[in-house]
Protein backbone atom coordinates (compact mmCIF):
# COMPACT_ATOMS: atom_id res chain seq x y z
CA MET A 1 -46.02 -1.00 22.28
CA VAL A 2 -48.97 0.72 22.87
CA THR A 3 -49.26 0.48 27.05
CA LYS A 4 -45.49 1.55 27.24
CA LEU A 5 -46.52 4.56 25.21
CA ASP A 6 -48.64 5.40 27.98
CA HIS A 7 -45.94 4.63 30.69
CA TRP A 8 -43.47 7.36 29.31
CA ALA A 9 -46.56 9.79 28.83
CA ASP A 10 -47.38 9.29 32.35
CA LYS A 11 -43.84 9.07 33.67
CA ALA A 12 -42.23 12.36 31.32
CA PRO A 13 -45.31 14.22 29.60
CA ASP A 14 -43.56 17.25 28.98
CA LYS A 15 -40.46 15.33 28.20
CA PRO A 16 -39.50 15.24 23.69
CA ALA A 17 -40.33 11.87 22.64
CA LEU A 18 -40.76 12.68 18.42
CA HIS A 19 -38.63 14.86 16.07
CA GLY A 20 -39.56 15.71 12.46
CA GLY A 21 -39.36 18.24 9.95
CA SER A 22 -35.64 19.42 8.66
CA PRO A 23 -32.52 19.36 10.92
CA ASP A 24 -32.44 23.18 11.37
CA ALA A 25 -36.56 23.89 11.80
CA LEU A 26 -37.50 20.80 14.46
CA THR A 27 -41.19 19.97 14.81
CA THR A 28 -41.21 18.01 18.35
CA TRP A 29 -44.36 15.89 20.47
CA THR A 30 -43.82 15.84 23.78
CA TRP A 31 -44.92 12.33 25.41
CA SER A 32 -48.18 12.91 26.38
CA GLN A 33 -48.77 15.09 22.90
CA TYR A 34 -47.58 11.25 21.06
CA ARG A 35 -50.30 9.51 23.40
CA ASP A 36 -53.04 11.86 22.48
CA ASP A 37 -52.30 11.50 18.98
CA VAL A 38 -51.86 7.76 18.71
CA HIS A 39 -55.56 7.35 20.68
CA GLN A 40 -57.21 9.85 18.60
CA VAL A 41 -55.58 7.61 15.30
CA GLY A 42 -57.10 4.42 17.53
CA ARG A 43 -60.80 6.53 18.27
CA ALA A 44 -60.65 7.25 14.64
CA LEU A 45 -60.02 3.60 12.87
CA ILE A 46 -62.93 2.38 15.19
CA ALA A 47 -65.23 5.32 13.76
CA ALA A 48 -64.10 4.21 10.30
CA GLY A 49 -65.68 0.51 11.28
CA ILE A 50 -61.87 -0.92 11.48
CA ALA A 51 -61.85 -4.76 13.50
CA PRO A 52 -59.60 -6.45 15.42
CA GLY A 53 -56.84 -7.57 13.68
CA GLU A 54 -57.62 -6.30 10.20
CA SER A 55 -54.61 -5.07 8.17
CA VAL A 56 -54.28 -1.47 7.80
CA ALA A 57 -51.78 -0.10 5.31
CA LEU A 58 -48.97 2.06 5.23
CA ILE A 59 -46.87 3.55 2.66
CA GLY A 60 -44.72 6.86 3.62
CA ASN A 61 -40.80 8.11 4.52
CA ASN A 62 -39.88 8.60 8.14
CA THR A 63 -42.49 10.93 9.45
CA PRO A 64 -43.64 11.15 13.06
CA GLN A 65 -47.11 11.03 11.65
CA TRP A 66 -46.10 7.40 10.01
CA LEU A 67 -45.50 6.62 14.06
CA ILE A 68 -48.38 7.55 15.28
CA ALA A 69 -49.94 6.06 12.39
CA ASP A 70 -47.98 2.64 13.13
CA LEU A 71 -49.07 2.71 17.10
CA GLY A 72 -52.88 4.04 16.60
CA ILE A 73 -53.59 0.74 14.41
CA LEU A 74 -52.03 -1.10 17.25
CA ALA A 75 -54.41 0.69 19.81
CA ALA A 76 -57.44 -0.57 17.94
CA ALA A 77 -55.96 -3.62 17.73
CA ALA A 78 -55.53 -3.47 14.04
CA VAL A 79 -52.24 -4.92 12.05
CA PRO A 80 -49.86 -2.08 10.92
CA THR A 81 -48.75 -3.61 7.23
CA PRO A 82 -46.34 -1.10 5.55
CA ILE A 83 -45.87 -0.90 2.04
CA TYR A 84 -42.06 0.26 0.85
CA VAL A 85 -41.86 3.52 -1.03
CA THR A 86 -40.06 2.57 -3.96
CA ASN A 87 -42.82 0.13 -4.74
CA THR A 88 -44.19 0.43 -8.32
CA ALA A 89 -47.94 1.23 -8.31
CA GLU A 90 -48.84 -2.52 -9.48
CA GLN A 91 -46.69 -3.98 -6.19
CA VAL A 92 -48.45 -1.19 -4.08
CA ALA A 93 -51.83 -2.96 -5.44
CA TRP A 94 -50.82 -6.44 -5.18
CA VAL A 95 -49.76 -5.90 -1.25
CA ILE A 96 -53.35 -3.86 -0.39
CA ASN A 97 -54.71 -6.36 -2.64
CA HIS A 98 -53.33 -9.63 -0.68
CA CYS A 99 -53.53 -8.15 2.92
CA GLN A 100 -57.30 -6.64 1.73
CA ALA A 101 -56.83 -3.10 3.81
CA ARG A 102 -59.53 -1.04 3.67
CA VAL A 103 -57.74 1.86 4.98
CA VAL A 104 -54.63 3.05 3.60
CA PHE A 105 -52.24 5.72 5.15
CA ALA A 106 -50.26 7.41 2.60
CA ASP A 107 -47.66 10.66 2.55
CA THR A 108 -46.74 12.68 -0.52
CA ALA A 109 -49.08 12.77 -3.90
CA GLU A 110 -46.51 10.88 -5.54
CA GLN A 111 -48.10 7.82 -3.19
CA TYR A 112 -51.24 8.83 -3.21
CA GLU A 113 -50.75 8.55 -7.55
CA LYS A 114 -50.04 5.09 -7.16
CA LEU A 115 -53.18 4.72 -5.25
CA LEU A 116 -54.96 6.77 -8.30
CA ALA A 117 -53.76 5.08 -10.84
CA GLU A 118 -54.38 1.37 -9.43
CA ARG A 119 -58.00 2.41 -7.79
CA PRO A 120 -60.50 0.61 -10.37
CA ASP A 121 -58.19 -2.33 -9.22
CA LEU A 122 -58.52 -1.43 -5.34
CA PRO A 123 -61.74 -2.64 -4.88
CA ARG A 124 -61.59 -2.47 -1.12
CA VAL A 125 -60.17 0.29 0.07
CA GLU A 126 -62.54 3.11 1.26
CA LEU A 127 -60.59 5.26 2.38
CA VAL A 128 -56.89 6.98 1.74
CA VAL A 129 -55.49 9.53 4.46
CA LEU A 130 -53.12 11.79 2.84
CA ILE A 131 -50.29 12.99 5.49
CA ASP A 132 -49.21 15.61 3.45
CA ASP A 133 -51.41 18.33 2.63
CA ILE A 134 -52.27 17.36 -1.34
CA PRO A 135 -54.31 19.59 -3.40
CA ASP A 136 -57.04 18.12 -6.56
CA ARG A 137 -57.35 14.95 -4.22
CA ASP A 138 -60.49 13.11 -4.63
CA PRO A 139 -62.66 14.38 -1.41
CA GLU A 140 -64.74 11.18 -1.78
CA TRP A 141 -61.93 8.62 -1.59
CA THR A 142 -59.52 10.64 0.63
CA SER A 143 -58.91 12.46 4.13
CA SER A 144 -56.56 14.80 5.25
CA TRP A 145 -54.46 14.00 8.49
CA GLN A 146 -56.69 16.64 10.21
CA GLU A 147 -59.69 15.76 8.80
CA PHE A 148 -59.25 11.82 9.66
CA MET A 149 -57.97 12.49 13.31
CA SER A 150 -61.14 14.87 13.71
CA THR A 151 -63.40 11.86 13.07
CA GLY A 152 -61.96 10.15 16.40
CA SER A 153 -64.63 10.58 19.00
CA GLU A 154 -63.95 10.65 22.82
CA ASP A 155 -66.37 8.10 23.06
CA SER A 156 -64.65 5.65 21.82
CA GLU A 157 -62.08 5.88 24.15
CA PRO A 158 -63.48 3.12 26.41
CA GLU A 159 -63.78 0.68 22.96
CA LEU A 160 -60.00 1.63 22.78
CA ARG A 161 -58.92 0.60 26.11
CA THR A 162 -60.97 -2.71 25.98
CA ARG A 163 -59.13 -3.05 22.82
CA MET A 164 -55.68 -2.40 24.45
CA ASP A 165 -55.95 -4.56 27.40
CA ASN A 166 -57.48 -7.56 25.15
CA VAL A 167 -54.45 -7.89 23.10
CA ALA A 168 -53.13 -11.81 23.10
CA PRO A 169 -49.28 -12.80 22.91
CA ASP A 170 -50.26 -14.61 19.70
CA ASP A 171 -52.11 -11.56 17.95
CA LEU A 172 -50.13 -9.76 15.15
CA THR A 173 -48.06 -6.77 15.77
CA LEU A 174 -47.29 -6.29 12.51
CA LEU A 175 -47.61 -7.73 8.72
CA CYS A 176 -44.16 -7.02 7.06
CA TYR A 177 -44.07 -7.83 3.39
CA THR A 178 -40.58 -8.47 2.45
CA SER A 179 -39.25 -6.34 -0.20
CA GLY A 180 -38.08 -9.72 -2.24
CA THR A 181 -34.87 -10.14 -3.76
CA THR A 182 -36.69 -13.20 -6.10
CA GLY A 183 -40.16 -13.54 -7.11
CA GLU A 184 -43.43 -11.58 -5.20
CA PRO A 185 -43.18 -10.43 -1.51
CA LYS A 186 -44.26 -12.63 1.20
CA GLY A 187 -46.72 -10.91 4.44
CA VAL A 188 -44.37 -11.94 7.12
CA GLN A 189 -47.06 -12.64 10.63
CA LEU A 190 -44.94 -11.05 13.45
CA ARG A 191 -46.51 -11.18 16.96
CA HIS A 192 -46.63 -9.64 20.75
CA GLU A 193 -44.91 -12.10 22.69
CA GLY A 194 -42.32 -12.62 19.45
CA TRP A 195 -41.49 -8.70 19.25
CA ASN A 196 -41.46 -8.39 23.19
CA ALA A 197 -39.03 -11.22 23.67
CA VAL A 198 -36.47 -10.36 20.88
CA ILE A 199 -36.43 -6.65 21.99
CA ALA A 200 -35.85 -7.91 25.75
CA SER A 201 -32.75 -10.38 24.39
CA VAL A 202 -31.26 -7.12 22.78
CA VAL A 203 -31.56 -5.37 25.53
CA GLU A 204 -29.62 -7.70 27.81
CA ILE A 205 -26.45 -6.90 25.34
CA VAL A 206 -27.04 -3.47 24.60
CA PRO A 207 -28.37 -2.25 28.63
CA VAL A 208 -30.86 0.77 27.66
CA ILE A 209 -31.10 4.49 29.51
CA GLU A 210 -34.64 5.24 30.38
CA LEU A 211 -35.43 8.65 29.25
CA GLY A 212 -31.74 9.04 28.26
CA GLU A 213 -31.86 7.08 24.67
CA ARG A 214 -31.65 9.24 21.27
CA THR A 215 -31.38 7.73 17.59
CA VAL A 216 -32.21 8.72 14.10
CA SER A 217 -35.07 7.24 12.52
CA TYR A 218 -34.39 6.83 8.51
CA LEU A 219 -34.46 3.55 6.88
CA PRO A 220 -37.83 2.23 5.63
CA LEU A 221 -39.64 1.44 8.48
CA CYS A 222 -41.31 -0.98 6.19
CA HIS A 223 -38.16 -3.22 6.93
CA VAL A 224 -38.22 -5.03 10.41
CA ALA A 225 -34.43 -4.03 11.56
CA GLU A 226 -35.80 -0.02 11.50
CA HIS A 227 -39.23 -0.87 13.13
CA ALA A 228 -37.41 -2.46 15.87
CA MET A 229 -34.86 -0.14 16.12
CA THR A 230 -37.52 2.72 16.23
CA LEU A 231 -40.63 1.28 18.02
CA GLY A 232 -39.14 -1.21 19.75
CA LEU A 233 -35.99 1.12 21.57
CA GLN A 234 -38.55 3.57 21.78
CA ALA A 235 -41.32 1.41 23.82
CA LYS A 236 -38.53 -0.09 26.01
CA SER A 237 -36.42 2.91 26.79
CA GLY A 238 -38.44 5.98 26.00
CA ALA A 239 -35.88 6.82 23.65
CA GLU A 240 -36.17 10.02 21.57
CA VAL A 241 -36.69 9.49 17.66
CA PHE A 242 -35.48 11.88 15.24
CA CYS A 243 -37.40 11.28 12.31
CA CYS A 244 -35.47 11.47 8.95
CA ASP A 245 -38.32 11.52 6.00
CA ASP A 246 -34.66 10.73 3.13
CA VAL A 247 -31.59 8.84 3.43
CA ALA A 248 -29.48 11.20 2.26
CA LYS A 249 -30.70 13.71 4.72
CA VAL A 250 -29.07 11.26 7.53
CA LYS A 251 -25.60 13.04 7.87
CA ASP A 252 -27.42 16.45 8.28
CA PHE A 253 -29.31 15.04 11.45
CA LEU A 254 -26.55 13.59 13.15
CA PRO A 255 -25.00 16.33 14.51
CA VAL A 256 -28.58 17.64 15.44
CA ALA A 257 -29.90 14.44 17.21
CA ARG A 258 -25.97 13.29 18.51
CA PRO A 259 -27.56 9.47 18.96
CA THR A 260 -26.90 7.31 21.70
CA ILE A 261 -27.59 4.09 19.60
CA PHE A 262 -27.00 4.07 15.79
CA LEU A 263 -28.29 1.45 13.40
CA ALA A 264 -27.47 1.45 9.60
CA VAL A 265 -27.06 -1.01 6.39
CA PRO A 266 -23.93 -2.14 5.14
CA ARG A 267 -24.28 0.18 2.06
CA VAL A 268 -24.76 3.52 4.17
CA TRP A 269 -21.31 2.73 6.82
CA GLU A 270 -19.75 2.64 3.04
CA LYS A 271 -20.82 5.66 1.86
CA PHE A 272 -19.84 7.19 5.32
CA GLU A 273 -16.25 5.54 5.13
CA SER A 274 -15.74 6.82 1.32
CA ALA A 275 -16.51 10.29 2.64
CA LEU A 276 -14.36 10.53 6.00
CA ARG A 277 -11.51 8.88 3.68
CA VAL A 278 -11.57 11.52 1.67
CA ARG A 279 -11.54 14.16 4.57
CA LEU A 280 -8.65 12.38 5.99
CA GLY A 281 -6.83 12.41 3.10
CA GLU A 282 -6.97 16.13 2.53
CA ALA A 283 -4.64 16.34 5.60
CA THR A 284 -0.93 17.08 4.92
CA GLY A 285 2.07 17.48 6.78
CA ILE A 286 1.95 17.06 10.68
CA LYS A 287 -1.93 16.78 10.92
CA ALA A 288 -1.54 14.00 7.86
CA LYS A 289 0.79 12.02 10.54
CA LEU A 290 -1.10 12.77 13.60
CA ALA A 291 -4.09 11.38 12.26
CA ASP A 292 -2.62 8.48 10.99
CA TRP A 293 -1.06 7.97 14.22
CA ALA A 294 -4.14 8.07 16.01
CA VAL A 295 -6.08 5.85 13.70
CA ARG A 296 -3.42 2.92 14.49
CA THR A 297 -3.13 3.41 18.06
CA GLU A 298 -7.07 3.58 18.31
CA PHE A 299 -7.25 0.35 16.32
CA LYS A 300 -4.42 -1.45 18.07
CA GLY A 301 -6.52 -0.50 21.07
CA PHE A 302 -9.66 -2.16 19.63
CA GLN A 303 -7.86 -5.41 19.23
CA SER A 304 -6.27 -5.23 22.69
CA ASP A 305 -10.21 -5.06 23.60
CA ILE A 306 -11.38 -8.08 22.10
CA ALA A 307 -8.26 -10.11 23.35
CA ALA A 308 -9.11 -8.99 26.63
CA GLY A 309 -13.27 -9.18 26.14
CA LYS A 310 -13.51 -5.64 28.02
CA LYS A 311 -12.59 -2.26 27.04
CA THR A 312 -9.23 -1.35 27.45
CA GLY A 313 -7.18 2.14 28.04
CA GLY A 314 -3.80 3.32 27.99
CA ILE A 315 -1.90 6.81 27.95
CA GLN A 316 -1.64 6.85 23.99
CA ARG A 317 -5.17 6.26 23.22
CA ASP A 318 -6.58 8.62 25.43
CA LEU A 319 -4.26 11.10 23.71
CA ALA A 320 -5.45 9.81 20.02
CA ASN A 321 -9.22 9.99 20.96
CA LYS A 322 -8.44 13.64 22.86
CA LEU A 323 -6.33 14.97 19.70
CA VAL A 324 -7.94 13.29 16.52
CA ILE A 325 -10.60 10.62 17.44
CA SER A 326 -13.35 12.63 19.14
CA LYS A 327 -12.93 15.51 16.81
CA VAL A 328 -13.70 12.79 14.09
CA LYS A 329 -16.66 11.44 15.58
CA ALA A 330 -18.05 15.41 16.52
CA ALA A 331 -17.81 16.27 13.31
CA LEU A 332 -20.06 12.92 12.39
CA GLY A 333 -22.61 13.30 14.89
CA LEU A 334 -21.33 10.26 16.26
CA ASP A 335 -19.44 11.58 19.44
CA GLN A 336 -22.65 10.86 22.03
CA VAL A 337 -23.18 7.27 20.67
CA ARG A 338 -22.68 4.11 22.56
CA VAL A 339 -23.17 1.67 19.96
CA CYS A 340 -23.21 1.34 16.55
CA LEU A 341 -25.33 -1.23 14.75
CA SER A 342 -25.60 -2.83 10.82
CA GLY A 343 -27.97 -5.35 9.76
CA SER A 344 -29.72 -6.64 6.62
CA ALA A 345 -26.41 -7.36 4.97
CA PRO A 346 -22.81 -8.68 5.42
CA MET A 347 -20.24 -6.19 6.85
CA SER A 348 -17.30 -5.88 4.63
CA PRO A 349 -14.37 -6.63 7.50
CA LYS A 350 -12.51 -3.56 5.70
CA THR A 351 -15.70 -1.05 6.69
CA ALA A 352 -15.82 -2.47 9.86
CA ASP A 353 -11.79 -1.98 10.67
CA PHE A 354 -11.91 1.70 9.36
CA PHE A 355 -14.44 2.79 11.90
CA ALA A 356 -13.00 0.38 14.98
CA SER A 357 -9.96 2.77 13.78
CA LEU A 358 -11.91 5.73 15.03
CA GLY A 359 -13.71 4.45 18.28
CA LEU A 360 -16.70 3.77 16.24
CA PRO A 361 -16.68 -0.50 16.25
CA ILE A 362 -19.71 -1.48 14.70
CA HIS A 363 -22.01 -4.38 16.02
CA ASP A 364 -22.94 -6.78 13.03
CA VAL A 365 -26.99 -7.63 13.62
CA TYR A 366 -28.16 -11.04 12.13
CA GLY A 367 -31.45 -11.95 11.33
CA MET A 368 -34.31 -12.02 8.78
CA THR A 369 -37.98 -10.88 8.60
CA GLU A 370 -38.94 -14.08 10.01
CA THR A 371 -36.75 -14.16 12.98
CA THR A 372 -38.71 -10.61 14.11
CA ALA A 373 -35.09 -8.95 12.63
CA VAL A 374 -32.72 -10.74 15.42
CA VAL A 375 -30.84 -14.17 15.88
CA SER A 376 -27.86 -12.75 16.99
CA MET A 377 -25.91 -9.82 17.79
CA ALA A 378 -22.25 -9.01 18.91
CA PRO A 379 -21.52 -8.57 22.93
CA LEU A 380 -21.35 -4.76 23.51
CA GLY A 381 -18.31 -3.16 22.71
CA ILE A 382 -16.15 -6.49 21.79
CA PRO A 383 -17.61 -7.09 18.06
CA ARG A 384 -15.55 -10.18 16.36
CA SER A 385 -14.82 -9.06 12.37
CA GLY A 386 -16.41 -11.63 10.03
CA THR A 387 -18.82 -12.90 12.61
CA VAL A 388 -22.36 -11.62 13.49
CA GLY A 389 -22.42 -12.37 17.05
CA LYS A 390 -23.93 -14.97 19.40
CA PRO A 391 -27.18 -15.86 18.98
CA ILE A 392 -29.12 -13.78 21.24
CA SER A 393 -31.16 -15.69 24.68
CA CYS A 394 -34.54 -16.14 23.56
CA VAL A 395 -33.23 -17.89 20.03
CA SER A 396 -31.49 -21.13 19.56
CA VAL A 397 -29.40 -22.41 16.44
CA ARG A 398 -28.37 -25.66 14.94
CA PHE A 399 -27.36 -26.74 11.40
CA ALA A 400 -28.52 -28.73 9.00
CA ASP A 401 -26.22 -31.34 6.97
CA ASP A 402 -26.08 -29.19 4.63
CA GLY A 403 -24.51 -26.22 6.61
CA GLU A 404 -28.14 -24.18 6.72
CA ILE A 405 -28.42 -21.96 10.13
CA LEU A 406 -32.06 -23.47 11.75
CA ALA A 407 -33.52 -21.17 14.37
CA LYS A 408 -36.54 -21.64 16.96
CA GLY A 409 -38.08 -19.47 19.70
CA PRO A 410 -40.82 -17.31 20.39
CA GLY A 411 -39.61 -14.29 17.60
CA MET A 412 -39.56 -16.69 14.91
CA THR A 413 -42.59 -15.87 12.49
CA LEU A 414 -46.26 -17.63 12.90
CA GLY A 415 -45.92 -18.39 8.84
CA TYR A 416 -46.49 -16.20 5.81
CA HIS A 417 -50.27 -14.55 5.03
CA ASN A 418 -52.51 -16.71 3.22
CA ALA A 419 -49.62 -19.16 2.18
CA PRO A 420 -49.62 -22.27 4.05
CA GLU A 421 -47.39 -23.83 1.16
CA LEU A 422 -44.85 -21.18 1.79
CA THR A 423 -45.07 -21.59 5.33
CA ALA A 424 -44.44 -25.36 5.60
CA GLU A 425 -41.11 -24.75 3.11
CA LEU A 426 -39.47 -22.19 6.30
CA ILE A 427 -40.61 -24.11 9.34
CA ASP A 428 -40.25 -27.74 9.86
CA SER A 429 -42.72 -30.18 11.39
CA ASP A 430 -40.35 -29.39 14.53
CA GLY A 431 -40.80 -25.85 14.02
CA TRP A 432 -37.59 -25.15 13.44
CA LEU A 433 -37.17 -22.11 10.88
CA HIS A 434 -34.91 -22.61 7.73
CA THR A 435 -32.93 -19.31 7.34
CA GLY A 436 -31.62 -20.46 4.18
CA ASP A 437 -27.98 -18.83 5.29
CA ILE A 438 -25.04 -20.99 5.57
CA GLY A 439 -22.79 -20.68 8.33
CA ASN A 440 -20.98 -22.19 11.63
CA LEU A 441 -20.74 -21.32 14.98
CA ASP A 442 -16.53 -20.91 15.91
CA HIS A 443 -15.00 -22.25 19.53
CA ASP A 444 -15.95 -19.28 21.33
CA GLY A 445 -20.08 -19.77 20.04
CA PHE A 446 -19.86 -16.51 17.58
CA LEU A 447 -22.20 -17.11 14.53
CA ARG A 448 -20.51 -17.02 11.08
CA ILE A 449 -22.25 -16.54 7.90
CA THR A 450 -20.68 -17.73 4.74
CA ASP A 451 -23.19 -17.41 1.85
CA ARG A 452 -26.98 -17.65 0.97
CA LYS A 453 -28.31 -21.08 0.25
CA LYS A 454 -29.64 -20.00 -2.99
CA ASP A 455 -27.03 -17.76 -3.93
CA LEU A 456 -24.30 -20.63 -4.49
CA PHE A 457 -23.94 -21.63 -8.09
CA LYS A 458 -22.31 -24.25 -9.46
CA THR A 459 -19.47 -24.02 -12.48
CA SER A 460 -19.61 -26.31 -15.70
CA GLY A 461 -16.56 -27.85 -13.54
CA GLY A 462 -19.15 -28.95 -11.10
CA LYS A 463 -17.78 -26.77 -7.83
CA TYR A 464 -20.69 -24.95 -5.83
CA VAL A 465 -19.31 -21.13 -5.24
CA ALA A 466 -20.18 -18.54 -2.42
CA PRO A 467 -20.37 -15.13 -4.39
CA GLN A 468 -20.45 -13.63 -0.99
CA LEU A 469 -17.44 -14.69 0.20
CA LEU A 470 -15.65 -13.51 -3.12
CA GLU A 471 -17.86 -10.14 -3.00
CA SER A 472 -16.61 -9.44 0.32
CA LYS A 473 -12.79 -9.56 -0.79
CA LEU A 474 -13.57 -7.65 -3.89
CA LYS A 475 -14.80 -4.62 -2.09
CA SER A 476 -11.96 -4.67 -0.20
CA ILE A 477 -10.17 -2.85 -3.33
CA PRO A 478 -10.05 0.85 -2.95
CA GLY A 479 -12.00 2.37 -5.18
CA VAL A 480 -14.53 -0.57 -5.35
CA SER A 481 -17.88 0.33 -3.97
CA GLN A 482 -19.94 -2.77 -4.68
CA ALA A 483 -19.10 -6.10 -6.59
CA VAL A 484 -21.12 -8.87 -8.13
CA ALA A 485 -19.84 -12.49 -8.87
CA VAL A 486 -21.28 -14.14 -11.66
CA GLY A 487 -20.98 -17.65 -13.68
CA ASP A 488 -23.79 -19.95 -12.82
CA GLY A 489 -22.85 -22.75 -15.62
CA GLN A 490 -19.58 -21.16 -16.97
CA ARG A 491 -15.90 -22.32 -16.91
CA PHE A 492 -14.85 -19.33 -14.52
CA ILE A 493 -16.03 -16.86 -12.33
CA GLY A 494 -16.52 -13.66 -13.21
CA ALA A 495 -17.89 -9.90 -11.40
CA VAL A 496 -19.59 -6.76 -11.98
CA LEU A 497 -17.74 -4.01 -10.71
CA THR A 498 -18.82 -0.09 -9.25
CA LEU A 499 -16.45 2.46 -8.47
CA ASP A 500 -17.21 4.67 -5.21
CA PRO A 501 -17.82 8.31 -6.81
CA ASP A 502 -17.22 9.75 -3.58
CA GLY A 503 -13.54 8.30 -3.69
CA ALA A 504 -13.02 8.59 -7.66
CA PRO A 505 -11.06 11.62 -7.67
CA ALA A 506 -8.70 10.51 -5.04
CA LEU A 507 -7.57 7.36 -6.76
CA ALA A 508 -7.51 9.16 -10.30
CA GLY A 509 -4.61 11.55 -8.44
CA GLU A 510 -3.03 8.22 -7.53
CA LEU A 511 -3.08 6.82 -10.83
CA GLY A 512 -2.14 9.83 -12.81
CA ILE A 513 -5.70 9.95 -14.43
CA LEU A 514 -7.04 13.42 -14.83
CA PHE A 515 -10.62 13.32 -13.48
CA ASP A 516 -13.31 15.41 -14.38
CA GLY A 517 -16.35 14.21 -12.58
CA ASP A 518 -17.53 11.36 -15.32
CA LEU A 519 -17.23 8.46 -13.64
CA ALA A 520 -18.55 6.48 -16.77
CA ALA A 521 -15.11 7.79 -18.67
CA PHE A 522 -13.36 7.04 -15.91
CA SER A 523 -14.01 3.39 -15.65
CA ARG A 524 -12.89 2.87 -19.15
CA ASP A 525 -9.55 4.72 -18.74
CA PRO A 526 -6.80 1.81 -19.36
CA LYS A 527 -5.18 2.71 -16.33
CA LEU A 528 -7.99 2.28 -13.98
CA VAL A 529 -8.75 -1.22 -15.30
CA ALA A 530 -4.83 -2.19 -15.01
CA TYR A 531 -5.09 -0.96 -11.27
CA ILE A 532 -8.32 -3.11 -10.53
CA ASP A 533 -6.33 -5.61 -12.58
CA GLU A 534 -3.76 -5.72 -10.35
CA GLN A 535 -5.94 -5.75 -7.64
CA VAL A 536 -8.02 -8.61 -8.52
CA ALA A 537 -5.15 -10.44 -8.86
CA ARG A 538 -4.47 -9.81 -5.50
CA VAL A 539 -7.67 -10.71 -4.32
CA ASN A 540 -7.00 -14.37 -6.04
CA ARG A 541 -3.81 -15.12 -4.23
CA ASP A 542 -6.47 -15.49 -1.19
CA LEU A 543 -9.02 -17.85 -3.53
CA ALA A 544 -8.78 -21.36 -4.03
CA ARG A 545 -7.96 -22.02 -7.67
CA TYR A 546 -11.80 -22.63 -8.89
CA GLU A 547 -12.89 -19.61 -6.92
CA GLN A 548 -10.72 -16.73 -9.01
CA ILE A 549 -11.98 -14.33 -10.62
CA LYS A 550 -11.03 -14.56 -14.13
CA LYS A 551 -12.60 -11.43 -16.02
CA VAL A 552 -14.47 -7.88 -14.65
CA THR A 553 -16.33 -5.42 -15.89
CA ILE A 554 -16.66 -2.26 -14.61
CA LEU A 555 -20.12 -0.74 -14.61
CA PRO A 556 -20.13 3.23 -15.43
CA GLU A 557 -22.66 3.85 -12.55
CA GLU A 558 -23.31 2.71 -9.54
CA LEU A 559 -26.00 -0.03 -9.07
CA SER A 560 -29.48 1.46 -7.51
CA VAL A 561 -32.72 0.51 -6.27
CA GLU A 562 -34.53 2.86 -8.74
CA ALA A 563 -33.14 0.46 -11.48
CA GLY A 564 -34.66 -2.46 -9.70
CA GLU A 565 -30.88 -3.69 -8.53
CA LEU A 566 -31.11 -3.56 -4.96
CA THR A 567 -34.01 -3.44 -2.76
CA ALA A 568 -35.04 -1.03 -0.51
CA THR A 569 -32.60 -2.21 2.49
CA MET A 570 -29.60 -1.97 -0.45
CA LYS A 571 -29.27 -6.25 -0.59
CA ILE A 572 -28.29 -6.88 -4.14
CA LYS A 573 -31.23 -8.25 -6.75
CA ARG A 574 -28.76 -10.92 -8.71
CA LYS A 575 -32.01 -11.70 -11.19
CA ALA A 576 -31.97 -7.83 -11.99
CA ILE A 577 -28.41 -7.21 -12.24
CA ARG A 578 -28.35 -10.17 -14.39
CA THR A 579 -30.78 -9.06 -16.94
CA ASN A 580 -29.81 -5.21 -16.67
CA HIS A 581 -26.69 -5.92 -17.52
CA ALA A 582 -26.83 -8.86 -19.79
CA GLU A 583 -24.55 -7.76 -22.56
CA ALA A 584 -21.71 -6.67 -20.26
CA ILE A 585 -21.83 -9.96 -18.21
CA ASP A 586 -22.19 -12.44 -21.54
CA ALA A 587 -19.04 -10.62 -22.68
CA LEU A 588 -17.47 -11.96 -19.67
CA PHE A 589 -17.99 -15.33 -21.10
CA SER A 590 -18.17 -15.00 -24.93
């Protein structure tokens, strides 16, 4: 990736490459400035005694300095090892000690305080480089960004060039610690050859425009999908990256960045959907009728695209786009997007259909950290609802006897860092990586994920239940934002539901409930409870008898990362939910 940085800096030295700051006050790096800063970080790491193959930790939000540090680490032939900002101080220390990092990059005072609190248990850490200006820092243990950069001597440039030129295909490009839905995180070793092969295969499906792509980097860079989107796409195409340091601000960055490729996890798409439904629902009279006609027309056109296997047109569809669809996309900041992507967790068909009706078909990408982010993705422009596309060209897929998806290819991890037993469980003697996901291929070769192997649970009647199927159907209920099926060892299936705060006022109005903003009170209202029961009964009509949800509990607030109920990439953590809401769940089965 670093050699590609040199390529773009030579080809377009004065073209914008990176943006940081706020949407209304951006700070910009040109390609030549970007390259110079990356090389300066590399030289400073050499001055700090960092050897090739050594881990260097990073903990921080998405900023230009984070990307510069990451590529600077690679330039010095070391291994970037990112850590989630949501980790506790103890978890941060665990990862640093496990990867044996001696240098750590951190951004805010909050992250520095974590390191400071664990300093006695971080004996190997010699230097903390602080990206933000933090007063009262320990000058013997820390360095400001500017101070650190100043230590990189021009005399080290030949050594830096030698390290860059001698990078081997099996050398690590990333040591990525999983966010850990269960147990301790595992350090996934990803190599340069695999990274390059996966990016090349993705570009076969979504051809990139050299120096013409724009993307917003806002999901955690610790996650392999965002890492691939930000750094992989940029290296391949010379993409212009807008760094957003808070996921809550992404809606403000989109109209400024006007991305051409946009990645979001399902939870972010669901938030956008909720806000847009409220906005569309505010239209009255002729505007409401026009909007309803336009989205129905566009969705019908999308279905024609799927049937034809290519983009189709038509006078009505063109008119719907001109009068309504284009304006909605422009207001969202996605009017120039060529492809919308979703990864990390299953996408609800309801949400996928909603965005398709707005001319924004979402392409599911399936993969995991251990496969360098991608195993399969949908063909450009014609995603198939309920599937995750077709295996990319550098990946082979087959299925175990129990339906588990097995994958093989250059993008598969070398294994888990310092965990040979776990690696042996992951990769079998024939080189097939066991994904832990259950699935199948349809007659056209599209991959369908039916559940997580370890998420399957058994009722007291001996029936195995796939909770993700039930959860997807429950999330299709208008007003429901999250759903978790429960019932392991029980005589029936129950579910934990949360309500969508953005859609609550409109739903309350439909049910004749006075809503004053108190979501907890709304969740207890008898009319709301009766509505949910009615909707669950509707869902049950499409389920086998043993899968049907007999009882539900509505939580007073949404599940959150802060409560430990979601990973940083919004995957549900079943054990934590079971613990945090034990009383409510136990009441379902009492």
